[in-house]
Amino acid sequence: MTQGQGQVQETDERYATLLNNANAVRALSSAVEGTLGPKGLDVMLVGANGDVVITNDGVTILEKMDVSHPAARLLIQVARAQQSEVGDGTTTATVLAGALVQEGVAQVTRGVPAAKVVTGMLEGIRVASDRLAERALRLDGWSDPKLHRAVHIAGREQADIVRLVLEAGQAVGWEQLQDPAYRLAEQIVAHEKASNEWFHGVLLKQKPLQRDWLPERTGCRVLILQDALEPDTLDEQLLTTEAGFQQYMAHRSAFMDRLQRLHELGVGFLVLERGLHPEAEQFCLDHDMMVVQRVSREDIMRVCRLTGGKPLKRAALSKDAAVLEPLLGRTACVRYDERLERVRLYAPQMALSSAGSGGTPEPAGMRRGQVTLIVGASTREVVGERARIAQDAAAALQAAIQSGVLPGGGTTELALSYMLERYRETVRGMEAFGVAAVAQALRKPMAQIVLNAGFNPLEKLEEARAAQTASASDAIGIDCDSGALLDYVDAGIVDPAAVKLHALRAAGEVAAAVLRIHTVIKMKPEA
């Protein structure tokens, strides 16, 4: 072996782990690249039992892929983080992460220390994030066309879903949508037997016990119990004695008194986290009290927010009526929907005629923010994808209201890439190579969108760059139909700023993690 061959082999061994991880990330990133942009296509996911999912939603593709490589799993975390934080832009985040890893590896294999590349990348991402936030265009209320266009693009131009999300968003209110703790996308329910609609209320998947002869209750109080509705338990050995039997009868009598008190307080709907005692069930049947049991903790909290009730434990039922009464919720109507096989719980003071698909004026005293969006389609596979589209549209609506919008289609990222090239000249040391890696990676979203549209990315990116420089605008991009230059803001092609910001930051974090890995060691099984 010659000296030159030995150096090459030594270099290959030195970067073996890095290159192996980078190849895994690249393979996973390429699985979603083809879905990016208006000309992007769908991916068909096939399960072991023949189950089929057709989607172009990045997080769905990555979550359902059979992935075993540890570095590739890190990339999936980017999509999860993006979905959890803003609910949209998972594909962009994944593509950016893949590009950052690829560009970072190119610098490391040139001889730049990985630590220096990572430091420079993080600095470049920080600068780019600051510039993104500064360039965000704020919205001017519900009539702002940029808001409608952001939702239209995230909703993949499906007019019925876009209209549904916008109507429901207006019912929730601008102020409520600015609250980070509230997630409009989490209020979306998919059902193949449904038509698109929204209503002020909550949809519970459990069936009420009395659905056959008590399908509806109106204007009643709501008891929300994070417990079972049953008497206090006693040791069975106590029943063998006279005193124990008397104690049992006293407990039973007190329990029936509590049920009677609930009836006198006007409770007509009971939401239980656990089960129901047979005697309590019979009492509810005799007094037309609708009961839904085995309700999840998440749905219980939704019912609390909707009705104004408090989640109680069984011991709270022993309180006096004056103490218990303020803890109960209210509802205008609770109804079992036979077609959906679910319970509709409407907000208090909400007229029944408003349970349609939008537009009804909000009554005084209405609790804002509690709406349910129902998305329907003809088959289970299709309705699942339509629900994902609606969730993306709802997330985009909320993100745009919270953070404003930016020109879409990778135009802003392209402008930032050339800004970072100029910034690189001010950076001393080898960290400049990390900044250069970020600058190059930021061109990837537009390059992939142009490629998916059937054009040469090198040619079109240079055209867009020259036009942006000449017009001093970062909104100039490529028309994916004609290949001509286009002002994306004028054309209404905008994305929520929060989507781009979080995608860049999340991608940078995972790219830094991959580049720092020197060796992969299998752990021994836990005892």
Protein backbone atom coordinates (compact mmCIF):
# COMPACT_ATOMS: atom_id res chain seq x y z
CA MET A 1 0.00 0.00 0.00
CA THR A 2 1.36 3.39 -0.95
CA GLN A 3 1.55 6.32 1.45
CA GLY A 4 -1.25 8.15 -0.39
CA GLN A 5 -3.58 5.15 -0.20
CA GLY A 6 -2.87 4.81 3.51
CA GLN A 7 -3.80 8.45 4.13
CA VAL A 8 -7.06 8.03 2.22
CA GLN A 9 -7.97 4.91 4.19
CA GLU A 10 -7.11 6.64 7.47
CA THR A 11 -9.30 9.60 6.49
CA ASP A 12 -12.18 7.32 5.57
CA GLU A 13 -11.98 5.55 8.92
CA ARG A 14 -11.78 8.85 10.77
CA TYR A 15 -15.04 10.08 9.25
CA ALA A 16 -16.76 6.69 8.98
CA THR A 17 -19.29 7.36 11.74
CA LEU A 18 -20.01 10.87 10.51
CA LEU A 19 -20.52 9.77 6.92
CA ASN A 20 -22.69 6.83 7.97
CA ASN A 21 -24.92 9.12 10.02
CA ALA A 22 -25.03 11.72 7.25
CA ASN A 23 -26.08 9.10 4.70
CA ALA A 24 -28.91 7.92 6.96
CA VAL A 25 -30.12 11.50 7.44
CA ARG A 26 -29.89 12.11 3.71
CA ALA A 27 -31.93 8.98 2.94
CA LEU A 28 -34.66 10.01 5.35
CA SER A 29 -34.71 13.61 4.15
CA SER A 30 -35.06 12.48 0.53
CA ALA A 31 -38.25 10.61 1.46
CA VAL A 32 -40.08 13.88 2.08
CA GLU A 33 -38.30 16.25 -0.34
CA GLY A 34 -40.57 15.32 -3.22
CA THR A 35 -43.64 16.56 -1.34
CA LEU A 36 -42.37 20.15 -0.98
CA GLY A 37 -44.04 23.03 -2.83
CA PRO A 38 -47.18 23.39 -4.96
CA LYS A 39 -45.93 20.77 -7.43
CA GLY A 40 -44.91 18.31 -4.74
CA LEU A 41 -46.45 14.85 -4.86
CA ASP A 42 -47.78 12.46 -2.24
CA VAL A 43 -46.13 9.48 -0.58
CA MET A 44 -47.86 6.11 -0.22
CA LEU A 45 -47.09 4.33 3.04
CA VAL A 46 -47.91 0.62 3.08
CA GLY A 47 -48.22 -1.36 6.32
CA ALA A 48 -47.41 -5.00 6.97
CA ASN A 49 -51.10 -5.89 6.83
CA GLY A 50 -51.73 -3.96 3.65
CA ASP A 51 -52.84 -0.75 5.37
CA VAL A 52 -52.35 2.23 3.10
CA VAL A 53 -51.78 5.90 3.98
CA ILE A 54 -51.43 8.46 1.18
CA THR A 55 -50.12 11.81 2.36
CA ASN A 56 -47.63 14.61 1.78
CA ASP A 57 -47.57 15.59 5.46
CA GLY A 58 -43.95 15.41 6.57
CA VAL A 59 -44.49 14.35 10.17
CA THR A 60 -46.95 11.63 9.14
CA ILE A 61 -44.48 10.19 6.63
CA LEU A 62 -41.62 10.19 9.12
CA GLU A 63 -43.68 8.85 12.03
CA LYS A 64 -44.98 5.92 10.01
CA MET A 65 -41.72 5.01 8.29
CA ASP A 66 -39.86 1.93 9.52
CA VAL A 67 -36.66 3.63 10.70
CA SER A 68 -33.96 1.86 12.71
CA HIS A 69 -30.85 4.04 12.21
CA PRO A 70 -30.23 6.14 15.36
CA ALA A 71 -29.14 9.25 13.45
CA ALA A 72 -32.21 9.05 11.24
CA ARG A 73 -34.34 8.90 14.37
CA LEU A 74 -32.84 12.23 15.40
CA LEU A 75 -34.25 13.72 12.21
CA ILE A 76 -37.69 12.43 13.11
CA GLN A 77 -37.39 14.41 16.34
CA VAL A 78 -37.16 17.58 14.24
CA ALA A 79 -40.55 16.85 12.68
CA ARG A 80 -42.04 16.00 16.05
CA ALA A 81 -40.73 19.19 17.61
CA GLN A 82 -42.02 21.26 14.70
CA GLN A 83 -45.43 19.60 14.90
CA SER A 84 -45.61 20.03 18.67
CA GLU A 85 -44.57 23.70 18.65
CA VAL A 86 -46.37 25.18 15.63
CA GLY A 87 -48.23 22.29 13.99
CA ASP A 88 -47.02 23.02 10.44
CA GLY A 89 -43.82 23.16 8.39
CA THR A 90 -42.56 19.69 9.29
CA THR A 91 -41.36 19.00 5.75
CA THR A 92 -39.44 22.28 5.58
CA ALA A 93 -37.81 21.57 8.95
CA THR A 94 -36.78 18.09 7.83
CA VAL A 95 -35.36 19.30 4.51
CA LEU A 96 -33.44 22.08 6.25
CA ALA A 97 -32.01 19.67 8.81
CA GLY A 98 -30.88 17.32 6.07
CA ALA A 99 -29.24 20.17 4.17
CA LEU A 100 -27.48 21.48 7.28
CA VAL A 101 -26.06 18.03 8.01
CA GLN A 102 -24.93 17.63 4.42
CA GLU A 103 -23.24 21.03 4.29
CA GLY A 104 -21.70 20.57 7.73
CA VAL A 105 -20.25 17.19 6.79
CA ALA A 106 -18.76 18.73 3.65
CA GLN A 107 -16.90 21.25 5.81
CA VAL A 108 -15.71 18.65 8.32
CA THR A 109 -14.37 16.33 5.63
CA ARG A 110 -12.42 19.30 4.24
CA GLY A 111 -10.52 19.33 7.50
CA VAL A 112 -12.47 21.90 9.53
CA PRO A 113 -12.87 20.66 13.15
CA ALA A 114 -16.44 19.57 13.83
CA ALA A 115 -16.62 21.74 16.96
CA LYS A 116 -15.74 24.83 14.92
CA VAL A 117 -18.35 23.95 12.26
CA VAL A 118 -21.04 23.47 14.89
CA THR A 119 -20.21 26.74 16.64
CA GLY A 120 -20.32 28.60 13.35
CA MET A 121 -23.58 26.93 12.32
CA LEU A 122 -25.28 27.88 15.56
CA GLU A 123 -24.07 31.47 15.15
CA GLY A 124 -25.34 31.56 11.56
CA ILE A 125 -28.72 30.20 12.62
CA ARG A 126 -28.94 32.79 15.40
CA VAL A 127 -28.26 35.64 12.97
CA ALA A 128 -30.66 34.23 10.38
CA SER A 129 -33.40 33.79 13.00
CA ASP A 130 -33.04 37.39 14.15
CA ARG A 131 -33.34 38.61 10.56
CA LEU A 132 -36.39 36.41 9.97
CA ALA A 133 -38.16 37.85 13.01
CA GLU A 134 -37.33 41.41 11.90
CA ARG A 135 -38.75 40.86 8.40
CA ALA A 136 -42.08 39.40 9.52
CA LEU A 137 -45.14 41.21 8.11
CA ARG A 138 -47.78 41.83 10.77
CA LEU A 139 -51.45 41.20 9.97
CA ASP A 140 -54.25 43.72 10.03
CA GLY A 141 -57.19 41.73 11.39
CA TRP A 142 -59.41 39.09 9.84
CA SER A 143 -59.81 40.99 6.58
CA ASP A 144 -56.07 40.95 5.82
CA PRO A 145 -55.64 38.94 2.58
CA LYS A 146 -52.23 37.70 3.74
CA LEU A 147 -53.93 35.78 6.55
CA HIS A 148 -56.35 34.12 4.15
CA ARG A 149 -53.55 33.22 1.78
CA ALA A 150 -51.41 31.69 4.53
CA VAL A 151 -54.31 29.45 5.54
CA HIS A 152 -55.10 28.72 1.88
CA ILE A 153 -51.56 27.49 1.22
CA ALA A 154 -51.32 25.44 4.41
CA GLY A 155 -54.73 23.96 3.59
CA ARG A 156 -53.35 22.85 0.21
CA GLU A 157 -55.85 25.04 -1.59
CA GLN A 158 -58.85 22.96 -0.50
CA ALA A 159 -61.45 25.71 -0.34
CA ASP A 160 -63.95 23.90 1.89
CA ILE A 161 -61.35 23.18 4.56
CA VAL A 162 -59.92 26.71 4.38
CA ARG A 163 -63.40 28.19 4.79
CA LEU A 164 -64.14 25.86 7.72
CA VAL A 165 -60.92 26.81 9.54
CA LEU A 166 -61.35 30.55 8.98
CA GLU A 167 -64.95 30.52 10.20
CA ALA A 168 -64.06 28.51 13.28
CA GLY A 169 -61.08 30.76 13.95
CA GLN A 170 -63.25 33.86 13.90
CA ALA A 171 -65.66 32.17 16.32
CA VAL A 172 -62.76 31.48 18.69
CA GLY A 173 -61.55 35.06 18.45
CA TRP A 174 -58.29 36.84 17.65
CA GLU A 175 -57.27 37.25 21.28
CA GLN A 176 -57.81 33.59 22.14
CA LEU A 177 -55.77 32.46 19.13
CA GLN A 178 -52.84 34.55 20.36
CA ASP A 179 -52.71 32.44 23.52
CA PRO A 180 -49.90 29.85 23.09
CA ALA A 181 -51.70 27.48 25.47
CA TYR A 182 -54.66 27.19 23.10
CA ARG A 183 -54.34 24.97 20.01
CA LEU A 184 -57.05 25.29 17.38
CA ALA A 185 -55.60 22.29 15.51
CA GLU A 186 -56.34 20.07 18.50
CA GLN A 187 -60.06 20.78 18.17
CA ILE A 188 -60.30 18.99 14.81
CA VAL A 189 -62.12 15.66 14.57
CA ALA A 190 -62.19 13.43 11.48
CA HIS A 191 -65.10 11.13 10.64
CA GLU A 192 -65.99 9.38 7.39
CA LYS A 193 -69.72 9.72 8.07
CA ALA A 194 -69.58 13.46 8.67
CA SER A 195 -69.86 16.61 6.61
CA ASN A 196 -67.59 19.57 7.21
CA GLU A 197 -68.90 21.72 10.05
CA TRP A 198 -67.94 23.46 13.24
CA PHE A 199 -69.92 24.17 16.37
CA HIS A 200 -69.45 25.83 19.75
CA GLY A 201 -68.88 22.80 21.88
CA VAL A 202 -67.10 19.50 22.46
CA LEU A 203 -67.51 16.14 20.76
CA LEU A 204 -67.19 13.10 23.05
CA LYS A 205 -66.60 9.70 21.48
CA GLN A 206 -68.35 7.75 24.25
CA LYS A 207 -71.98 6.71 23.91
CA PRO A 208 -74.39 7.76 26.68
CA LEU A 209 -76.07 5.01 28.68
CA GLN A 210 -79.58 6.29 27.89
CA ARG A 211 -79.12 7.01 24.17
CA ASP A 212 -82.08 4.85 23.10
CA TRP A 213 -84.73 6.86 24.97
CA LEU A 214 -82.88 9.97 26.16
CA PRO A 215 -80.94 11.28 23.14
CA GLU A 216 -80.96 14.92 24.29
CA ARG A 217 -81.03 17.18 27.33
CA THR A 218 -81.30 20.96 27.16
CA GLY A 219 -80.49 23.75 29.58
CA CYS A 220 -79.09 21.54 32.33
CA ARG A 221 -76.22 21.52 34.81
CA VAL A 222 -73.16 19.35 34.25
CA LEU A 223 -71.35 17.23 36.87
CA ILE A 224 -67.72 16.48 35.98
CA LEU A 225 -66.29 13.69 38.12
CA GLN A 226 -62.68 12.53 37.93
CA ASP A 227 -63.74 9.43 39.75
CA ALA A 228 -66.35 6.68 39.78
CA LEU A 229 -69.91 7.50 40.82
CA GLU A 230 -70.36 4.89 43.55
CA PRO A 231 -70.76 4.67 47.35
CA ASP A 232 -67.75 4.60 49.63
CA THR A 233 -66.35 1.11 49.84
CA LEU A 234 -66.42 -0.88 53.10
CA ASP A 235 -64.55 -3.96 54.23
CA GLU A 236 -66.68 -6.99 53.37
CA GLN A 237 -65.99 -8.47 56.79
CA LEU A 238 -67.98 -5.63 58.34
CA LEU A 239 -71.13 -6.93 56.67
CA THR A 240 -71.00 -10.04 58.83
CA THR A 241 -71.85 -7.99 61.92
CA GLU A 242 -74.97 -6.05 62.78
CA ALA A 243 -72.99 -2.84 63.33
CA GLY A 244 -71.20 -3.29 60.06
CA PHE A 245 -74.48 -3.85 58.21
CA GLN A 246 -75.95 -0.71 59.76
CA GLN A 247 -72.87 1.22 58.65
CA TYR A 248 -73.31 -0.15 55.12
CA MET A 249 -76.94 0.94 55.05
CA ALA A 250 -75.97 4.39 56.30
CA HIS A 251 -73.39 4.72 53.50
CA ARG A 252 -75.96 3.60 50.94
CA SER A 253 -78.54 6.05 52.23
CA ALA A 254 -76.02 8.91 52.19
CA PHE A 255 -75.07 8.01 48.62
CA MET A 256 -78.69 8.09 47.49
CA ASP A 257 -79.13 11.44 49.24
CA ARG A 258 -76.18 12.80 47.25
CA LEU A 259 -77.73 11.63 44.01
CA GLN A 260 -81.01 13.27 44.97
CA ARG A 261 -79.16 16.50 45.74
CA LEU A 262 -77.63 16.44 42.25
CA HIS A 263 -81.07 16.00 40.73
CA GLU A 264 -82.44 18.91 42.77
CA LEU A 265 -79.53 21.09 41.61
CA GLY A 266 -80.61 20.53 38.01
CA VAL A 267 -77.83 18.16 36.96
CA GLY A 268 -78.88 16.55 33.69
CA PHE A 269 -75.52 15.42 32.30
CA LEU A 270 -72.78 13.53 34.12
CA VAL A 271 -69.23 13.11 32.78
CA LEU A 272 -67.31 10.37 34.58
CA GLU A 273 -63.66 9.43 34.27
CA ARG A 274 -64.40 6.00 35.68
CA GLY A 275 -67.45 3.77 36.04
CA LEU A 276 -70.95 3.97 37.47
CA HIS A 277 -72.51 2.00 40.34
CA PRO A 278 -75.67 0.02 39.36
CA GLU A 279 -77.82 1.93 41.86
CA ALA A 280 -76.51 5.26 40.56
CA GLU A 281 -77.21 4.09 37.01
CA GLN A 282 -80.80 3.24 37.89
CA PHE A 283 -81.26 6.58 39.64
CA CYS A 284 -80.00 8.43 36.55
CA LEU A 285 -82.31 6.39 34.33
CA ASP A 286 -85.30 7.18 36.55
CA HIS A 287 -84.53 10.91 36.61
CA ASP A 288 -83.48 11.46 32.96
CA MET A 289 -79.86 12.24 33.83
CA MET A 290 -77.67 11.46 30.81
CA VAL A 291 -74.39 9.74 31.72
CA VAL A 292 -71.15 9.33 29.78
CA GLN A 293 -68.48 7.23 31.49
CA ARG A 294 -64.84 6.26 30.86
CA VAL A 295 -64.03 9.73 29.51
CA SER A 296 -60.36 10.56 29.03
CA ARG A 297 -58.67 13.14 31.24
CA GLU A 298 -58.03 15.35 28.19
CA ASP A 299 -61.71 15.37 27.20
CA ILE A 300 -62.71 16.02 30.80
CA MET A 301 -60.61 19.19 30.82
CA ARG A 302 -62.22 20.28 27.55
CA VAL A 303 -65.65 19.81 29.10
CA CYS A 304 -64.53 21.88 32.09
CA ARG A 305 -63.35 24.74 29.90
CA LEU A 306 -66.56 24.64 27.87
CA THR A 307 -69.11 24.41 30.66
CA GLY A 308 -67.28 26.30 33.41
CA GLY A 309 -67.50 23.30 35.72
CA LYS A 310 -64.79 22.04 38.04
CA PRO A 311 -63.38 18.50 37.95
CA LEU A 312 -64.46 16.91 41.23
CA LYS A 313 -63.65 13.83 43.25
CA ARG A 314 -66.36 11.62 44.72
CA ALA A 315 -65.87 13.10 48.19
CA ALA A 316 -66.98 16.51 46.91
CA LEU A 317 -70.53 15.20 46.48
CA SER A 318 -70.97 15.23 50.27
CA LYS A 319 -70.75 19.04 50.29
CA ASP A 320 -73.82 21.16 50.95
CA ALA A 321 -75.87 22.21 47.94
CA ALA A 322 -74.78 25.84 48.30
CA VAL A 323 -71.12 24.79 48.13
CA LEU A 324 -71.58 22.23 45.37
CA GLU A 325 -73.74 24.36 43.08
CA PRO A 326 -70.97 26.78 41.88
CA LEU A 327 -68.75 23.80 41.02
CA LEU A 328 -71.19 22.47 38.44
CA GLY A 329 -71.00 23.38 34.78
CA ARG A 330 -73.72 24.49 32.40
CA THR A 331 -74.70 23.48 28.89
CA ALA A 332 -77.33 24.71 26.49
CA CYS A 333 -77.74 21.22 25.07
CA VAL A 334 -76.18 17.78 25.13
CA ARG A 335 -77.23 15.47 22.32
CA TYR A 336 -76.27 12.03 21.04
CA ASP A 337 -75.50 12.17 17.33
CA GLU A 338 -76.56 8.79 15.93
CA ARG A 339 -74.85 9.36 12.59
CA LEU A 340 -71.45 10.07 14.18
CA GLU A 341 -72.14 7.86 17.22
CA ARG A 342 -70.78 10.58 19.45
CA VAL A 343 -72.07 13.03 22.04
CA ARG A 344 -72.28 16.72 21.17
CA LEU A 345 -71.96 18.98 24.19
CA TYR A 346 -72.83 22.58 23.36
CA ALA A 347 -71.55 25.70 25.06
CA PRO A 348 -73.81 27.41 27.61
CA GLN A 349 -76.24 30.01 26.28
CA MET A 350 -75.72 28.76 22.72
CA ALA A 351 -78.81 28.57 20.57
CA LEU A 352 -79.38 25.15 19.02
CA SER A 353 -79.74 26.64 15.56
CA SER A 354 -76.09 27.74 15.66
CA ALA A 355 -74.75 24.19 15.54
CA GLY A 356 -74.01 24.49 11.88
CA SER A 357 -71.07 25.53 9.78
CA GLY A 358 -70.54 29.08 10.77
CA GLY A 359 -71.69 32.64 10.71
CA THR A 360 -74.13 32.78 13.65
CA PRO A 361 -73.66 35.88 15.85
CA GLU A 362 -72.24 35.09 19.24
CA PRO A 363 -74.69 35.48 22.14
CA ALA A 364 -73.84 37.57 25.19
CA GLY A 365 -71.96 35.63 27.81
CA MET A 366 -70.69 33.04 25.35
CA ARG A 367 -67.46 31.34 26.40
CA ARG A 368 -65.12 31.89 23.50
CA GLY A 369 -62.45 29.47 22.38
CA GLN A 370 -64.30 26.18 22.66
CA VAL A 371 -65.16 25.02 19.18
CA THR A 372 -65.00 21.65 17.48
CA LEU A 373 -64.24 21.32 13.77
CA ILE A 374 -65.56 18.17 12.11
CA VAL A 375 -63.92 17.10 8.84
CA GLY A 376 -65.53 14.40 6.75
CA ALA A 377 -64.80 12.42 3.59
CA SER A 378 -65.96 9.27 1.84
CA THR A 379 -63.38 6.78 3.18
CA ARG A 380 -61.24 6.31 6.27
CA GLU A 381 -57.99 6.79 4.35
CA VAL A 382 -59.15 10.02 2.72
CA VAL A 383 -60.70 11.48 5.85
CA GLY A 384 -57.43 10.97 7.71
CA GLU A 385 -55.53 13.01 5.15
CA ARG A 386 -58.21 15.72 5.11
CA ALA A 387 -57.94 15.94 8.89
CA ARG A 388 -54.18 16.43 8.58
CA ILE A 389 -54.75 19.16 6.01
CA ALA A 390 -57.24 20.88 8.32
CA GLN A 391 -54.80 20.66 11.22
CA ASP A 392 -52.07 22.25 9.11
CA ALA A 393 -54.45 25.04 8.07
CA ALA A 394 -55.56 25.65 11.66
CA ALA A 395 -51.96 25.69 12.88
CA ALA A 396 -51.00 28.12 10.12
CA LEU A 397 -53.90 30.40 11.02
CA GLN A 398 -52.85 30.57 14.64
CA ALA A 399 -49.13 30.91 13.88
CA ALA A 400 -49.78 33.74 11.42
CA ILE A 401 -51.87 35.63 13.98
CA GLN A 402 -49.19 35.18 16.64
CA SER A 403 -46.08 35.95 14.59
CA GLY A 404 -47.08 37.51 11.26
CA VAL A 405 -46.10 36.15 7.84
CA LEU A 406 -43.09 36.01 5.54
CA PRO A 407 -42.77 35.47 1.79
CA GLY A 408 -43.05 31.73 1.13
CA GLY A 409 -41.53 29.34 -1.33
CA GLY A 410 -38.03 29.62 0.15
CA THR A 411 -37.60 33.23 -1.03
CA THR A 412 -36.81 34.61 2.42
CA GLU A 413 -34.36 31.79 3.09
CA LEU A 414 -32.64 32.51 -0.23
CA ALA A 415 -32.24 36.18 0.68
CA LEU A 416 -30.87 35.20 4.09
CA SER A 417 -28.34 32.84 2.52
CA TYR A 418 -26.66 35.70 0.66
CA MET A 419 -26.92 37.93 3.72
CA LEU A 420 -25.06 35.23 5.68
CA GLU A 421 -22.37 35.07 3.01
CA ARG A 422 -21.66 38.75 3.64
CA TYR A 423 -21.82 38.19 7.39
CA ARG A 424 -19.32 35.33 7.03
CA GLU A 425 -16.68 37.82 5.94
CA THR A 426 -16.86 39.47 9.37
CA VAL A 427 -16.39 36.20 11.30
CA ARG A 428 -12.85 35.45 12.42
CA GLY A 429 -11.57 31.93 12.75
CA MET A 430 -12.75 28.61 11.39
CA GLU A 431 -16.28 29.22 12.67
CA ALA A 432 -16.78 31.07 9.38
CA PHE A 433 -17.01 27.68 7.66
CA GLY A 434 -20.03 26.84 9.83
CA VAL A 435 -21.71 30.10 8.85
CA ALA A 436 -21.04 29.23 5.21
CA ALA A 437 -22.70 25.85 5.73
CA VAL A 438 -25.87 27.55 6.98
CA ALA A 439 -25.83 29.97 4.05
CA GLN A 440 -25.65 27.09 1.59
CA ALA A 441 -28.33 25.02 3.39
CA LEU A 442 -30.80 27.92 3.36
CA ARG A 443 -30.98 27.63 -0.44
CA LYS A 444 -32.27 24.07 -0.23
CA PRO A 445 -36.03 24.80 0.27
CA MET A 446 -36.35 26.94 -2.87
CA ALA A 447 -34.03 24.63 -4.84
CA GLN A 448 -36.21 21.63 -3.97
CA ILE A 449 -39.46 23.46 -4.75
CA VAL A 450 -38.09 24.54 -8.14
CA LEU A 451 -36.83 21.02 -8.82
CA ASN A 452 -40.23 19.51 -7.95
CA ALA A 453 -41.78 21.98 -10.41
CA GLY A 454 -39.53 20.66 -13.20
CA PHE A 455 -37.00 23.48 -13.51
CA ASN A 456 -33.23 23.69 -13.12
CA PRO A 457 -32.58 24.84 -9.54
CA LEU A 458 -29.14 26.31 -10.26
CA GLU A 459 -30.47 28.49 -13.05
CA LYS A 460 -33.64 29.60 -11.27
CA LEU A 461 -31.96 30.38 -7.95
CA GLU A 462 -29.46 32.64 -9.69
CA GLU A 463 -32.31 34.42 -11.48
CA ALA A 464 -34.16 34.92 -8.21
CA ARG A 465 -31.00 36.08 -6.45
CA ALA A 466 -30.27 38.69 -9.11
CA ALA A 467 -33.87 39.93 -9.04
CA GLN A 468 -33.87 40.18 -5.24
CA THR A 469 -30.67 42.20 -5.34
CA ALA A 470 -31.91 44.51 -8.08
CA SER A 471 -35.26 45.19 -6.40
CA ALA A 472 -33.96 45.13 -2.80
CA SER A 473 -36.77 42.71 -1.97
CA ASP A 474 -36.61 39.22 -0.47
CA ALA A 475 -40.08 38.41 -1.86
CA ILE A 476 -38.94 37.65 -5.41
CA GLY A 477 -39.19 33.96 -6.27
CA ILE A 478 -40.01 31.60 -9.10
CA ASP A 479 -43.47 30.94 -10.51
CA CYS A 480 -43.75 27.14 -10.34
CA ASP A 481 -46.13 27.10 -13.32
CA SER A 482 -44.21 29.23 -15.82
CA GLY A 483 -40.73 29.48 -14.33
CA ALA A 484 -40.90 33.28 -14.50
CA LEU A 485 -39.94 35.65 -11.69
CA LEU A 486 -42.74 36.49 -9.28
CA ASP A 487 -43.26 38.74 -6.27
CA TYR A 488 -44.55 36.25 -3.73
CA VAL A 489 -46.15 38.81 -1.41
CA ASP A 490 -48.11 40.38 -4.26
CA ALA A 491 -49.11 36.90 -5.39
CA GLY A 492 -50.24 35.97 -1.87
CA ILE A 493 -47.64 33.24 -1.36
CA VAL A 494 -46.84 33.67 2.32
CA ASP A 495 -46.01 31.44 5.29
CA PRO A 496 -46.39 32.11 9.01
CA ALA A 497 -43.16 33.52 10.42
CA ALA A 498 -43.29 31.17 13.42
CA VAL A 499 -43.23 28.16 11.10
CA LYS A 500 -40.00 29.30 9.43
CA LEU A 501 -38.36 30.39 12.68
CA HIS A 502 -38.96 27.16 14.54
CA ALA A 503 -38.07 25.04 11.51
CA LEU A 504 -34.67 26.74 11.24
CA ARG A 505 -33.91 26.49 14.95
CA ALA A 506 -35.03 22.87 15.29
CA ALA A 507 -33.08 21.88 12.17
CA GLY A 508 -29.98 23.56 13.54
CA GLU A 509 -30.21 21.73 16.84
CA VAL A 510 -30.42 18.27 15.28
CA ALA A 511 -27.72 19.06 12.71
CA ALA A 512 -25.38 20.13 15.51
CA ALA A 513 -26.16 16.92 17.40
CA VAL A 514 -25.37 14.73 14.37
CA LEU A 515 -22.12 16.55 13.59
CA ARG A 516 -20.90 16.16 17.17
CA ILE A 517 -21.24 12.35 17.15
CA HIS A 518 -17.79 10.74 17.00
CA THR A 519 -18.62 7.13 17.75
CA VAL A 520 -21.79 5.03 17.93
CA ILE A 521 -21.78 2.37 20.66
CA LYS A 522 -24.54 -0.12 21.28
CA MET A 523 -25.78 -0.11 24.87
CA LYS A 524 -26.21 -3.31 26.81
CA PRO A 525 -29.81 -4.31 27.63
CA GLU A 526 -31.20 -2.92 30.84
CA ALA A 527 -31.67 -5.42 33.61
